[in-house]
Protein backbone atom coordinates (compact mmCIF):
# COMPACT_ATOMS: atom_id res chain seq x y z
CA MET A 1 -37.22 -89.98 -50.95
CA PHE A 2 -38.34 -91.45 -47.08
CA VAL A 3 -35.71 -93.66 -46.32
CA ASN A 4 -35.86 -95.04 -42.35
CA ARG A 5 -36.50 -91.80 -40.55
CA TYR A 6 -39.27 -93.80 -38.64
CA ASN A 7 -37.85 -93.06 -34.89
CA GLU A 8 -37.63 -89.51 -35.70
CA LEU A 9 -41.03 -89.79 -37.40
CA ALA A 10 -42.40 -92.10 -34.41
CA LEU A 11 -40.99 -88.93 -32.04
CA LEU A 12 -43.25 -86.23 -33.69
CA ASN A 13 -46.29 -88.17 -33.78
CA ASP A 14 -46.17 -89.48 -30.01
CA GLU A 15 -46.25 -85.06 -30.16
CA TYR A 16 -48.62 -84.88 -31.97
CA GLY A 17 -51.18 -87.14 -29.71
CA SER A 18 -50.03 -85.61 -26.75
CA ASP A 19 -52.55 -83.51 -25.20
CA GLY A 20 -51.75 -79.85 -24.83
CA PHE A 21 -48.89 -77.91 -26.73
CA LYS A 22 -46.13 -79.09 -27.84
CA PHE A 23 -42.41 -77.18 -29.14
CA THR A 24 -40.07 -79.51 -30.45
CA VAL A 25 -36.83 -77.75 -32.08
CA LEU A 26 -35.40 -79.93 -34.95
CA TYR A 27 -32.03 -79.28 -36.70
CA GLY A 28 -29.03 -81.40 -38.37
CA ARG A 29 -27.02 -80.05 -42.03
CA ARG A 30 -28.02 -79.13 -45.05
CA ARG A 31 -29.72 -82.05 -47.54
CA VAL A 32 -29.71 -84.30 -44.25
CA GLY A 33 -33.40 -84.82 -44.91
CA LYS A 34 -35.61 -82.20 -43.01
CA THR A 35 -37.88 -81.08 -44.80
CA THR A 36 -38.71 -84.46 -46.18
CA LEU A 37 -39.16 -85.70 -42.65
CA LEU A 38 -41.69 -83.00 -41.73
CA LYS A 39 -43.46 -83.59 -44.93
CA GLU A 40 -43.64 -87.05 -43.78
CA TYR A 41 -45.38 -86.24 -41.06
CA ILE A 42 -47.77 -83.47 -42.02
CA GLN A 43 -49.32 -85.74 -44.08
CA ASP A 44 -53.40 -86.21 -43.24
CA LYS A 45 -52.77 -83.15 -40.66
CA PRO A 46 -53.56 -80.03 -40.45
CA ALA A 47 -50.72 -78.18 -40.72
CA ILE A 48 -48.98 -74.51 -41.82
CA TYR A 49 -45.27 -74.76 -43.62
CA PHE A 50 -43.30 -71.32 -43.43
CA LEU A 51 -39.55 -71.77 -44.87
CA VAL A 52 -38.03 -68.49 -43.96
CA THR A 53 -35.80 -66.80 -47.19
CA LEU A 54 -33.39 -63.72 -47.01
CA GLU A 55 -35.62 -61.26 -47.66
CA ASN A 56 -36.47 -57.94 -45.63
CA ILE A 57 -37.99 -58.73 -42.56
CA ASN A 58 -41.44 -57.25 -43.45
CA ILE A 59 -41.63 -58.68 -46.38
CA VAL A 60 -41.24 -62.12 -44.48
CA LEU A 61 -42.90 -61.80 -41.99
CA LYS A 62 -45.80 -60.07 -44.35
CA ARG A 63 -45.89 -63.72 -46.37
CA LEU A 64 -46.09 -66.03 -43.35
CA GLN A 65 -49.25 -63.98 -42.57
CA ASN A 66 -50.82 -64.44 -45.83
CA ILE A 67 -49.92 -68.00 -45.60
CA ILE A 68 -51.48 -68.57 -42.29
CA ALA A 69 -54.34 -66.23 -43.77
CA ASP A 70 -54.71 -69.05 -46.25
CA PHE A 71 -55.00 -71.59 -44.08
CA LEU A 72 -57.39 -70.01 -41.93
CA GLU A 73 -59.51 -68.87 -45.06
CA ASP A 74 -59.47 -65.64 -43.27
CA ASP A 75 -59.41 -62.35 -45.22
CA PHE A 76 -59.98 -60.32 -42.37
CA LEU A 77 -56.16 -61.42 -41.40
CA ARG A 78 -54.86 -60.86 -44.77
CA GLU A 79 -55.33 -56.95 -44.30
CA LEU A 80 -54.69 -56.47 -41.25
CA GLN A 81 -51.35 -54.30 -40.63
CA LEU A 82 -48.64 -56.17 -37.94
CA LYS A 83 -45.77 -54.74 -36.41
CA ASP A 84 -44.26 -58.14 -35.51
CA VAL A 85 -44.39 -61.94 -35.33
CA LYS A 86 -46.07 -61.91 -31.66
CA GLN A 87 -48.99 -60.13 -33.16
CA LEU A 88 -49.32 -62.68 -35.94
CA PHE A 89 -49.03 -65.74 -32.63
CA ALA A 90 -51.62 -63.71 -30.79
CA TYR A 91 -54.08 -63.70 -33.67
CA ILE A 92 -53.67 -67.56 -34.01
CA ALA A 93 -54.07 -67.64 -30.10
CA LYS A 94 -57.44 -66.83 -31.01
CA GLU A 95 -58.50 -69.46 -32.68
CA THR A 96 -59.85 -73.26 -31.39
CA PHE A 97 -58.20 -76.04 -33.22
CA GLU A 98 -60.01 -79.30 -32.53
CA LYS A 99 -57.35 -81.20 -34.06
CA LYS A 100 -54.06 -80.34 -33.43
CA LEU A 101 -52.27 -78.08 -35.58
CA ILE A 102 -49.09 -77.95 -36.56
CA ILE A 103 -47.04 -74.80 -37.58
CA ILE A 104 -43.43 -75.30 -38.82
CA ILE A 105 -40.90 -72.82 -39.12
CA ASP A 106 -38.32 -74.05 -41.56
CA GLU A 107 -34.88 -72.47 -41.61
CA PHE A 108 -35.49 -70.46 -38.51
CA GLN A 109 -32.03 -69.33 -38.11
CA TYR A 110 -32.61 -66.68 -40.75
CA LEU A 111 -35.14 -65.26 -39.09
CA THR A 112 -32.99 -64.73 -36.46
CA LYS A 113 -30.51 -63.35 -38.87
CA LEU A 114 -33.53 -61.03 -40.23
CA ASP A 115 -34.36 -59.52 -36.57
CA SER A 116 -32.31 -60.46 -33.72
CA SER A 117 -35.43 -60.29 -31.20
CA MET A 118 -36.88 -63.44 -32.45
CA PRO A 119 -35.79 -65.38 -30.03
CA SER A 120 -37.05 -63.70 -27.10
CA GLN A 121 -40.12 -63.33 -29.54
CA PHE A 122 -40.88 -66.88 -29.59
CA GLN A 123 -40.36 -67.17 -25.43
CA TYR A 124 -43.25 -64.68 -25.23
CA ILE A 125 -45.35 -66.99 -27.99
CA VAL A 126 -44.40 -70.07 -26.49
CA ASP A 127 -44.94 -68.76 -22.71
CA GLU A 128 -47.80 -66.37 -23.20
CA LEU A 129 -49.81 -67.59 -26.81
CA LEU A 130 -49.28 -71.21 -27.35
CA LYS A 131 -48.76 -72.37 -23.87
CA ASN A 132 -52.61 -73.73 -23.56
CA LYS A 133 -53.10 -74.71 -27.12
CA ASN A 134 -53.96 -77.66 -29.28
CA ILE A 135 -50.51 -76.64 -31.16
CA HIS A 136 -47.90 -78.17 -32.17
CA LEU A 137 -44.90 -75.61 -33.14
CA VAL A 138 -41.38 -76.94 -34.83
CA LEU A 139 -38.63 -74.57 -35.76
CA CYS A 140 -36.38 -76.22 -37.82
CA GLY A 141 -33.00 -75.24 -38.78
CA SER A 142 -29.76 -76.49 -41.13
CA ILE A 143 -27.36 -74.13 -40.02
CA ILE A 144 -26.31 -76.38 -36.72
CA SER A 145 -24.50 -73.80 -35.07
CA MET A 146 -27.36 -71.19 -35.26
CA MET A 147 -29.67 -73.25 -34.64
CA TYR A 148 -28.09 -74.25 -31.26
CA GLU A 149 -27.42 -70.84 -29.63
CA GLN A 150 -30.70 -69.45 -31.00
CA THR A 151 -32.92 -72.40 -29.40
CA LEU A 152 -31.11 -74.26 -27.26
CA SER A 153 -28.52 -73.08 -25.32
CA TYR A 154 -28.01 -71.92 -21.79
CA ASN A 155 -27.97 -68.51 -22.56
CA SER A 156 -30.70 -68.67 -25.33
CA PRO A 157 -34.41 -66.81 -24.38
CA LEU A 158 -35.95 -70.17 -25.56
CA TYR A 159 -33.95 -72.44 -23.28
CA GLY A 160 -35.74 -75.47 -21.26
CA ARG A 161 -39.36 -74.33 -23.30
CA ARG A 162 -39.01 -77.36 -25.82
CA THR A 163 -41.14 -80.75 -25.45
CA SER A 164 -38.71 -82.57 -28.16
CA ASP A 165 -35.58 -82.03 -30.11
CA ILE A 166 -34.44 -83.75 -32.86
CA LYS A 167 -31.03 -83.66 -34.31
CA LEU A 168 -31.13 -85.13 -37.74
CA GLU A 169 -28.05 -87.51 -38.44
CA ALA A 170 -26.82 -89.08 -41.79
CA ILE A 171 -28.23 -91.99 -43.07
CA ALA A 172 -26.78 -95.08 -41.35
CA PHE A 173 -24.99 -97.40 -43.67
CA LYS A 174 -27.35 -99.87 -43.39
CA HIS A 175 -30.50 -98.36 -45.12
CA LEU A 176 -28.54 -97.66 -47.99
CA ASP A 177 -30.26 -100.01 -49.87
CA GLY A 178 -33.62 -98.10 -49.40
CA PHE A 179 -31.51 -95.70 -52.09
CA PHE A 180 -29.79 -98.30 -54.21
CA PRO A 181 -31.85 -101.25 -54.00
CA ASN A 182 -30.33 -102.76 -56.74
CA LYS A 183 -26.26 -102.21 -55.82
CA GLU A 184 -24.39 -104.78 -54.60
CA GLN A 185 -22.46 -104.63 -50.98
CA ASN A 186 -18.93 -103.31 -52.20
CA GLN A 187 -20.52 -100.75 -54.38
CA LEU A 188 -22.93 -99.62 -51.55
CA ILE A 189 -19.27 -99.27 -49.57
CA GLU A 190 -17.91 -97.11 -52.13
CA LEU A 191 -20.98 -95.05 -52.69
CA TYR A 192 -20.90 -94.40 -48.73
CA SER A 193 -17.23 -93.71 -49.00
CA VAL A 194 -17.86 -91.03 -51.13
CA LEU A 195 -21.45 -89.55 -50.33
CA TYR A 196 -21.63 -90.61 -46.70
CA GLY A 197 -25.18 -91.08 -45.67
CA VAL A 198 -27.06 -87.56 -46.82
CA PRO A 199 -29.72 -87.68 -48.93
CA LYS A 200 -29.75 -85.49 -50.91
CA TYR A 201 -26.60 -86.46 -52.25
CA LEU A 202 -27.71 -90.28 -52.45
CA GLU A 203 -30.27 -89.22 -54.44
CA ILE A 204 -28.15 -87.64 -57.03
CA PHE A 205 -26.16 -90.53 -57.68
CA LYS A 206 -29.72 -93.14 -57.31
CA ASP A 207 -29.47 -93.71 -60.99
CA SER A 208 -25.85 -93.66 -61.83
CA ASN A 209 -24.52 -97.34 -62.72
CA ASP A 210 -20.87 -96.53 -62.81
CA ILE A 211 -19.54 -94.46 -59.69
CA PHE A 212 -16.92 -92.63 -61.77
CA GLU A 213 -19.04 -91.10 -64.51
CA ALA A 214 -21.08 -90.19 -61.14
CA ILE A 215 -18.53 -88.52 -59.83
CA ASP A 216 -17.24 -86.70 -63.14
CA LYS A 217 -20.75 -85.69 -63.72
CA ASN A 218 -21.73 -84.57 -60.14
CA ILE A 219 -19.00 -83.29 -58.15
CA LEU A 220 -15.92 -82.76 -59.69
CA ASN A 221 -18.02 -80.19 -62.91
CA PRO A 222 -17.87 -76.88 -61.44
CA ASN A 223 -21.01 -76.22 -62.14
CA ALA A 224 -22.33 -79.73 -60.56
CA TYR A 225 -24.51 -79.08 -57.32
CA LEU A 226 -21.97 -80.83 -54.92
CA TYR A 227 -19.35 -78.93 -56.47
CA ASN A 228 -19.08 -76.74 -53.19
CA GLU A 229 -20.97 -77.63 -51.05
CA PRO A 230 -18.25 -78.50 -48.26
CA GLN A 231 -17.50 -74.46 -49.13
CA PHE A 232 -21.03 -72.97 -48.38
CA ILE A 233 -21.24 -75.32 -45.27
CA LEU A 234 -18.53 -74.34 -43.68
CA GLN A 235 -19.17 -70.72 -44.42
CA ASN A 236 -22.62 -70.46 -43.05
CA GLU A 237 -20.97 -72.55 -40.03
CA VAL A 238 -18.19 -70.50 -38.77
CA ASN A 239 -16.02 -67.62 -38.96
CA GLU A 240 -12.60 -67.32 -40.60
CA PRO A 241 -13.25 -70.41 -42.61
CA ILE A 242 -9.91 -70.56 -44.16
CA THR A 243 -8.39 -72.09 -41.19
CA TYR A 244 -10.88 -74.82 -41.23
CA PHE A 245 -10.35 -75.67 -44.59
CA SER A 246 -6.73 -75.70 -43.92
CA ILE A 247 -7.04 -78.08 -41.25
CA LEU A 248 -9.73 -80.02 -43.07
CA GLU A 249 -7.20 -80.57 -45.68
CA ALA A 250 -4.21 -81.02 -43.67
CA ILE A 251 -6.50 -84.52 -42.12
CA ALA A 252 -7.57 -85.47 -45.65
CA GLY A 253 -4.04 -85.64 -46.82
CA GLY A 254 -3.00 -88.04 -44.10
CA GLU A 255 -1.71 -85.60 -40.76
CA HIS A 256 -3.75 -86.87 -37.89
CA LYS A 257 -1.89 -85.85 -34.93
CA ILE A 258 -2.79 -82.49 -33.51
CA GLY A 259 0.63 -81.44 -33.58
CA ASN A 260 1.56 -81.89 -37.36
CA ILE A 261 -1.95 -80.73 -38.21
CA ALA A 262 -0.85 -77.05 -36.27
CA GLY A 263 2.63 -77.45 -37.97
CA LYS A 264 1.19 -78.00 -41.31
CA LEU A 265 -0.81 -74.78 -41.32
CA ASN A 266 2.56 -73.25 -39.32
CA LYS A 267 0.66 -72.46 -36.37
CA ASN A 268 0.83 -73.64 -32.69
CA VAL A 269 -1.64 -76.25 -31.46
CA GLN A 270 -3.21 -73.68 -29.08
CA ASN A 271 -3.74 -71.76 -31.88
CA ILE A 272 -6.07 -74.26 -33.73
CA THR A 273 -7.68 -75.96 -30.57
CA SER A 274 -10.61 -74.03 -30.61
CA PHE A 275 -11.25 -74.85 -34.45
CA VAL A 276 -11.03 -78.87 -34.20
CA SER A 277 -13.40 -78.40 -31.41
CA LYS A 278 -15.35 -76.56 -33.36
CA LEU A 279 -15.31 -79.06 -36.49
CA ILE A 280 -16.01 -82.30 -33.55
CA GLU A 281 -19.20 -80.16 -32.30
CA LEU A 282 -20.45 -79.70 -35.92
CA ASP A 283 -19.89 -83.60 -36.73
CA ILE A 284 -17.43 -82.86 -39.45
CA LEU A 285 -14.23 -84.44 -36.87
CA TYR A 286 -14.13 -86.48 -34.63
CA LYS A 287 -11.44 -87.69 -32.21
CA ASP A 288 -10.41 -91.30 -32.01
CA ILE A 289 -8.50 -93.15 -29.23
CA PRO A 290 -7.05 -96.63 -29.04
CA VAL A 291 -9.57 -99.09 -27.58
CA THR A 292 -7.47 -100.42 -24.98
CA GLU A 293 -6.19 -97.34 -23.65
CA LYS A 294 -7.54 -97.45 -19.75
CA ASN A 295 -8.05 -93.50 -19.32
CA PRO A 296 -9.67 -92.27 -22.57
CA ALA A 297 -10.03 -88.65 -21.29
CA LYS A 298 -6.46 -88.26 -20.20
CA SER A 299 -4.77 -90.43 -23.36
CA LYS A 300 -2.26 -88.46 -25.36
CA LYS A 301 -2.76 -91.05 -28.75
CA GLY A 302 -5.38 -89.37 -29.66
CA LEU A 303 -6.14 -88.94 -33.90
CA TYR A 304 -8.35 -86.99 -35.59
CA PHE A 305 -10.23 -88.19 -38.55
CA ILE A 306 -13.34 -86.55 -40.80
CA LYS A 307 -16.79 -88.13 -39.65
CA ASP A 308 -17.88 -86.57 -42.87
CA ASN A 309 -16.85 -89.09 -46.04
CA PHE A 310 -18.22 -86.25 -48.31
CA PHE A 311 -16.26 -83.62 -46.54
CA ARG A 312 -13.08 -86.32 -46.59
CA PHE A 313 -13.67 -87.09 -50.51
CA TRP A 314 -13.71 -83.66 -50.96
CA PHE A 315 -10.68 -82.33 -49.09
CA HIS A 316 -8.82 -85.11 -50.63
CA TYR A 317 -9.97 -85.02 -54.23
CA VAL A 318 -11.39 -81.50 -54.95
CA LEU A 319 -10.05 -78.88 -53.33
CA PRO A 320 -6.51 -79.46 -53.45
CA TYR A 321 -6.99 -80.17 -57.37
CA LYS A 322 -9.82 -77.20 -57.83
CA SER A 323 -7.15 -75.44 -60.34
CA GLN A 324 -7.21 -78.47 -62.67
CA LEU A 325 -11.29 -78.86 -62.16
CA GLU A 326 -11.64 -74.55 -63.27
CA ILE A 327 -10.31 -75.09 -66.66
CA GLY A 328 -11.95 -78.71 -67.12
CA ASN A 329 -9.06 -81.24 -66.71
CA SER A 330 -11.47 -83.52 -64.61
CA THR A 331 -9.83 -86.21 -66.69
CA PHE A 332 -6.56 -85.57 -64.50
CA VAL A 333 -8.17 -85.94 -61.60
CA LEU A 334 -10.85 -88.43 -61.88
CA SER A 335 -7.28 -90.51 -62.69
CA LYS A 336 -5.92 -89.82 -59.46
CA ILE A 337 -9.01 -90.61 -57.72
CA LYS A 338 -8.90 -94.58 -59.48
CA GLU A 339 -5.46 -94.57 -58.74
CA ASN A 340 -5.98 -95.28 -54.82
CA PHE A 341 -9.75 -95.62 -54.79
CA ASN A 342 -9.24 -98.64 -52.88
CA GLY A 343 -7.09 -97.48 -50.51
CA TYR A 344 -9.24 -94.14 -49.97
CA VAL A 345 -12.41 -96.74 -49.23
CA SER A 346 -10.28 -99.06 -46.85
CA LYS A 347 -11.65 -96.45 -44.30
CA THR A 348 -14.84 -96.73 -44.53
CA TYR A 349 -14.47 -100.57 -44.94
CA GLU A 350 -12.71 -100.66 -41.52
CA ASP A 351 -15.45 -98.30 -39.50
CA LEU A 352 -17.86 -101.10 -41.31
CA ALA A 353 -15.65 -103.95 -39.84
CA ILE A 354 -16.19 -102.56 -36.00
CA GLN A 355 -20.00 -102.21 -36.58
CA TYR A 356 -20.14 -105.54 -37.61
CA ILE A 357 -17.89 -106.78 -34.76
CA LEU A 358 -20.68 -104.86 -32.45
CA THR A 359 -23.43 -106.53 -34.38
CA ASN A 360 -21.38 -110.17 -34.31
CA PHE A 361 -20.01 -110.57 -30.93
CA ASP A 362 -20.67 -110.00 -27.25
CA VAL A 363 -18.04 -106.81 -26.61
CA LEU A 364 -18.70 -104.39 -24.92
CA LYS A 365 -16.64 -101.89 -27.19
CA CYS A 366 -14.73 -101.90 -30.27
CA GLY A 367 -12.73 -99.82 -32.26
CA ARG A 368 -8.55 -99.23 -33.79
CA TRP A 369 -5.70 -99.27 -32.06
CA TRP A 370 -2.31 -98.41 -32.45
CA ASP A 371 1.12 -97.71 -30.89
CA LYS A 372 4.24 -95.58 -32.27
CA SER A 373 5.24 -98.93 -34.85
CA ASN A 374 1.91 -100.70 -35.16
CA GLU A 375 -1.61 -99.82 -35.63
CA ILE A 376 -4.83 -103.09 -35.60
CA ASP A 377 -7.54 -102.11 -38.04
CA ALA A 378 -10.57 -103.42 -35.44
CA VAL A 379 -9.86 -104.72 -31.85
CA GLY A 380 -13.33 -105.53 -29.64
CA VAL A 381 -13.16 -106.00 -25.76
CA ALA A 382 -14.91 -108.46 -24.31
CA ASN A 383 -15.03 -109.15 -19.94
CA ASP A 384 -12.34 -111.80 -20.48
CA HIS A 385 -11.01 -111.74 -23.92
CA LEU A 386 -9.87 -109.54 -27.11
CA ILE A 387 -10.92 -110.17 -30.67
CA VAL A 388 -8.85 -108.34 -32.90
CA ALA A 389 -9.68 -107.75 -36.82
CA GLU A 390 -7.28 -106.91 -39.99
CA CYS A 391 -9.25 -105.35 -43.16
CA LYS A 392 -8.20 -105.43 -46.61
CA TYR A 393 -10.25 -103.26 -49.19
CA SER A 394 -8.42 -104.77 -52.28
CA ASN A 395 -8.30 -106.37 -55.65
CA LYS A 396 -6.28 -109.25 -53.90
CA LYS A 397 -7.53 -112.39 -52.09
CA VAL A 398 -6.31 -112.24 -48.23
CA GLY A 399 -3.93 -114.90 -47.18
CA ILE A 400 -1.91 -116.28 -44.47
CA ASN A 401 0.34 -113.57 -44.42
CA ILE A 402 -2.21 -111.17 -43.76
CA LEU A 403 -3.26 -113.87 -40.74
CA GLU A 404 0.33 -113.98 -39.03
CA ALA A 405 1.34 -110.49 -39.29
CA LEU A 406 -1.94 -109.39 -37.30
CA LYS A 407 -1.06 -112.55 -34.83
CA MET A 408 2.24 -110.59 -34.86
CA LYS A 409 0.58 -107.13 -33.82
CA THR A 410 -1.55 -108.68 -31.40
CA LYS A 411 1.80 -108.78 -29.10
CA TYR A 412 2.08 -105.55 -28.62
CA ILE A 413 -1.18 -104.93 -26.99
CA GLU A 414 -0.87 -103.52 -23.45
CA THR A 415 -3.44 -105.79 -21.64
CA GLU A 416 -3.38 -108.88 -19.81
CA LEU A 417 -6.44 -110.40 -21.86
CA PRO A 418 -6.22 -113.42 -24.31
CA VAL A 419 -7.20 -113.01 -27.85
CA LYS A 420 -9.81 -115.61 -28.58
CA LYS A 421 -10.53 -114.61 -32.24
CA TYR A 422 -8.60 -113.53 -35.60
CA ILE A 423 -11.38 -112.01 -37.95
CA LEU A 424 -9.66 -111.24 -41.47
CA PHE A 425 -12.35 -108.94 -43.50
CA GLY A 426 -11.42 -109.44 -47.39
CA LYS A 427 -13.04 -107.27 -50.56
CA SER A 428 -11.86 -110.35 -52.70
CA GLY A 429 -12.23 -113.18 -50.73
CA PHE A 430 -9.23 -115.59 -49.13
CA THR A 431 -6.59 -117.61 -50.62
CA ASP A 432 -7.11 -121.26 -50.58
CA ALA A 433 -4.94 -121.73 -48.44
CA LEU A 434 -6.36 -119.30 -46.04
CA ILE A 435 -9.88 -121.11 -46.10
CA LYS A 436 -8.04 -124.29 -45.51
CA LEU A 437 -6.56 -122.99 -42.47
CA SER A 438 -9.73 -121.18 -41.21
CA ARG A 439 -11.72 -124.76 -41.51
CA GLY A 440 -9.82 -126.55 -38.85
CA ASP A 441 -9.23 -123.44 -36.62
CA ASN A 442 -11.80 -121.75 -34.54
CA THR A 443 -10.24 -119.20 -33.49
CA ILE A 444 -10.24 -118.03 -37.19
CA VAL A 445 -13.09 -115.81 -39.38
CA LEU A 446 -13.31 -115.33 -42.99
CA VAL A 447 -15.58 -112.13 -43.68
CA ASP A 448 -16.16 -111.41 -47.37
CA LYS A 449 -20.23 -109.90 -46.96
CA LEU A 450 -21.13 -107.80 -44.06
CA GLU A 451 -24.75 -108.75 -44.38
CA ALA A 452 -25.14 -108.51 -40.66
CA VAL A 453 -24.65 -105.06 -40.60
CA PHE A 454 -27.37 -104.25 -42.40
CA LYS A 455 -29.70 -106.02 -39.30
């Protein structure tokens, strides 16, 4: 299912429409939609697509040779005895292509795993064999760390040779209605809180009417596709996955300070910093700093959060309860999920509120704020004022007491900028008293619909 990837598709088409040889590196996590994007790109274009599998290197290269022979309708090539991939591309380089030929090597990192000389061989292919050819070479991979090391890092033989690179990210929340055109806003928020923006995961839930039934069937079932997905991803990306698992479980369980995370693992902070940095590099974690900090790089108030909502859900509700799930007791785990689902979704709701403020108000930046005793869900910083917001994803209407509490907390923000707007976000709306108060006070903004986030 192709949803939204129009910027990435435009970049690929620009490469195709440009004269001469082009070389693109496309990478991103499993199931983020790389192959779907490439299939969309090569429609109505001459293309050779090859998926690398973990087999004997000679078998893999022979399969690639046969695919190219099929494309060229060349039985002579099919029977040739070639010793390496350079010889195969040397054969291609003898051909003349009036229309640009696209050659895609998908899961390129496996090719390097089978033969460590592959980056050097492709350096020769790019520099000597294809440089004057009407060809677009695309190397694609799903193990982010390996793809970066093999194609983009300074130490790679391929460094500096690409004409473009695309790191394919998860789909943004505003595009979820492309997968679920009939879902209401709160349903989309809940789906995004569980599945993040990974197209394959969203497709699995596409025909489900009840999110809890879908979670039970597609995540909590030991035979389900998503049951061990984060485990597969981490085991492919990192060494010592046990330490990474422990860090993520600690954060999912509510520990966000680096010292507290280390304490959960019975380790010193110095012993886990490299692991945390790696998780940030993989876009699984992020470090948050109070938005009003004057020197964020030197701030000691940093907190760590799981960026990928599916990882957050899995480490919060699946990994800790695997003993129950393995014996088929998903009913118990599902009851735990339902017990505090609104609380779990609240973090995503706050993220979307920040997006809403950035979209609708003239602010330089927007993010969370906290000190030792207080926290505010969203603070927008403009040149001469602040906008502050509180978010309530609950089944209760937001009342005047929430507004008063927000006003009280703003007194602790260390800034000379005045507060211009108080914004309240409420899943279930607002009390009549608060609505009446807001009508006579233009500093109060009530938001129960996030349509602006979908713009």
